[in-house]
Amino acid sequence: MDLGGVDVAGARREPREGEPMYGLYQHKRSFGAEWLELTGAHERIIDAGRYRVGRVAARVARLVDR
């Protein structure tokens, strides 16, 4: 089960003691989790025009919700 990452932002490595994600990493290890190095999330854009429209619509929706 993938419980999400605890890697250090911009570093893609195990957190070390004293770093913000270290506590979460220790918590997950207490349940038997192991460090697994992955590439991270990626976004593939198939239709650039439709993508732009979706991004604009999301911004407008956020403004309306305020």
C-alpha atoms as a PDB file:
ATOM      1  CA  MET A   1       0.000   0.000   0.000  1.00  0.00           C
ATOM      2  CA  ASP A   2       1.380   3.402  -0.935  1.00  0.00           C
ATOM      3  CA  LEU A   3       0.762   5.820   1.937  1.00  0.00           C
ATOM      4  CA  GLY A   4       2.338   8.749   0.153  1.00  0.00           C
ATOM      5  CA  GLY A   5       5.817  10.157   0.295  1.00  0.00           C
ATOM      6  CA  VAL A   6       7.885  11.580   3.106  1.00  0.00           C
ATOM      7  CA  ASP A   7      10.864  12.644   1.025  1.00  0.00           C
ATOM      8  CA  VAL A   8      12.552  15.958   1.646  1.00  0.00           C
ATOM      9  CA  ALA A   9      11.247  18.555  -0.819  1.00  0.00           C
ATOM     10  CA  GLY A  10      13.585  18.917  -3.769  1.00  0.00           C
ATOM     11  CA  ALA A  11      15.979  16.241  -2.508  1.00  0.00           C
ATOM     12  CA  ARG A  12      14.173  12.886  -3.044  1.00  0.00           C
ATOM     13  CA  ARG A  13      15.911  11.146  -0.169  1.00  0.00           C
ATOM     14  CA  GLU A  14      15.110   9.712   3.234  1.00  0.00           C
ATOM     15  CA  PRO A  15      14.434  12.400   5.838  1.00  0.00           C
ATOM     16  CA  ARG A  16      17.104  12.793   8.498  1.00  0.00           C
ATOM     17  CA  GLU A  17      16.579  13.507  12.173  1.00  0.00           C
ATOM     18  CA  GLY A  18      15.646  17.160  12.682  1.00  0.00           C
ATOM     19  CA  GLU A  19      13.987  17.578   9.269  1.00  0.00           C
ATOM     20  CA  PRO A  20      10.237  18.291   9.038  1.00  0.00           C
ATOM     21  CA  MET A  21       9.245  14.917   7.502  1.00  0.00           C
ATOM     22  CA  TYR A  22      11.354  12.805   9.867  1.00  0.00           C
ATOM     23  CA  GLY A  23       8.549  12.271  12.401  1.00  0.00           C
ATOM     24  CA  LEU A  24       6.113  11.103   9.740  1.00  0.00           C
ATOM     25  CA  TYR A  25       8.790   8.809   8.315  1.00  0.00           C
ATOM     26  CA  GLN A  26       9.401   7.251  11.743  1.00  0.00           C
ATOM     27  CA  HIS A  27       5.640   6.835  12.233  1.00  0.00           C
ATOM     28  CA  LYS A  28       5.273   5.004   8.936  1.00  0.00           C
ATOM     29  CA  ARG A  29       8.314   2.836   9.686  1.00  0.00           C
ATOM     30  CA  SER A  30       6.692   1.775  12.960  1.00  0.00           C
ATOM     31  CA  PHE A  31       3.998   0.104  10.818  1.00  0.00           C
ATOM     32  CA  GLY A  32       6.594  -1.718   8.728  1.00  0.00           C
ATOM     33  CA  ALA A  33       7.028   0.762   5.888  1.00  0.00           C
ATOM     34  CA  GLU A  34      10.276   0.718   3.926  1.00  0.00           C
ATOM     35  CA  TRP A  35      11.979   3.501   1.981  1.00  0.00           C
ATOM     36  CA  LEU A  36      11.371   3.141  -1.755  1.00  0.00           C
ATOM     37  CA  GLU A  37      12.932   5.626  -4.137  1.00  0.00           C
ATOM     38  CA  LEU A  38      10.486   6.735  -6.838  1.00  0.00           C
ATOM     39  CA  THR A  39      10.493   9.467  -9.463  1.00  0.00           C
ATOM     40  CA  GLY A  40       7.473  11.342  -8.108  1.00  0.00           C
ATOM     41  CA  ALA A  41       4.227  12.408  -9.721  1.00  0.00           C
ATOM     42  CA  HIS A  42       4.133  13.514 -13.344  1.00  0.00           C
ATOM     43  CA  GLU A  43       1.446  15.136 -15.430  1.00  0.00           C
ATOM     44  CA  ARG A  44       1.009  14.213 -19.076  1.00  0.00           C
ATOM     45  CA  ILE A  45      -0.770  16.792 -21.243  1.00  0.00           C
ATOM     46  CA  ILE A  46      -2.435  15.274 -24.291  1.00  0.00           C
ATOM     47  CA  ASP A  47      -4.400  18.283 -25.552  1.00  0.00           C
ATOM     48  CA  ALA A  48      -2.717  21.593 -24.652  1.00  0.00           C
ATOM     49  CA  GLY A  49      -5.774  23.704 -25.517  1.00  0.00           C
ATOM     50  CA  ARG A  50      -8.140  21.668 -23.370  1.00  0.00           C
ATOM     51  CA  TYR A  51      -5.554  21.703 -20.579  1.00  0.00           C
ATOM     52  CA  ARG A  52      -5.408  25.525 -20.630  1.00  0.00           C
ATOM     53  CA  VAL A  53      -9.203  25.794 -20.549  1.00  0.00           C
ATOM     54  CA  GLY A  54      -9.313  23.460 -17.543  1.00  0.00           C
ATOM     55  CA  ARG A  55      -6.673  25.475 -15.693  1.00  0.00           C
ATOM     56  CA  VAL A  56      -8.547  28.741 -16.302  1.00  0.00           C
ATOM     57  CA  ALA A  57     -11.845  27.144 -15.218  1.00  0.00           C
ATOM     58  CA  ALA A  58     -10.229  25.917 -11.990  1.00  0.00           C
ATOM     59  CA  ARG A  59      -8.937  29.431 -11.220  1.00  0.00           C
ATOM     60  CA  VAL A  60     -12.355  30.961 -11.870  1.00  0.00           C
ATOM     61  CA  ALA A  61     -14.007  28.346  -9.631  1.00  0.00           C
ATOM     62  CA  ARG A  62     -11.582  29.174  -6.813  1.00  0.00           C
ATOM     63  CA  LEU A  63     -12.365  32.894  -7.151  1.00  0.00           C
ATOM     64  CA  VAL A  64     -16.110  32.247  -7.109  1.00  0.00           C
ATOM     65  CA  ASP A  65     -15.830  30.052  -3.985  1.00  0.00           C
ATOM     66  CA  ARG A  66     -14.221  32.845  -1.979  1.00  0.00           C
END
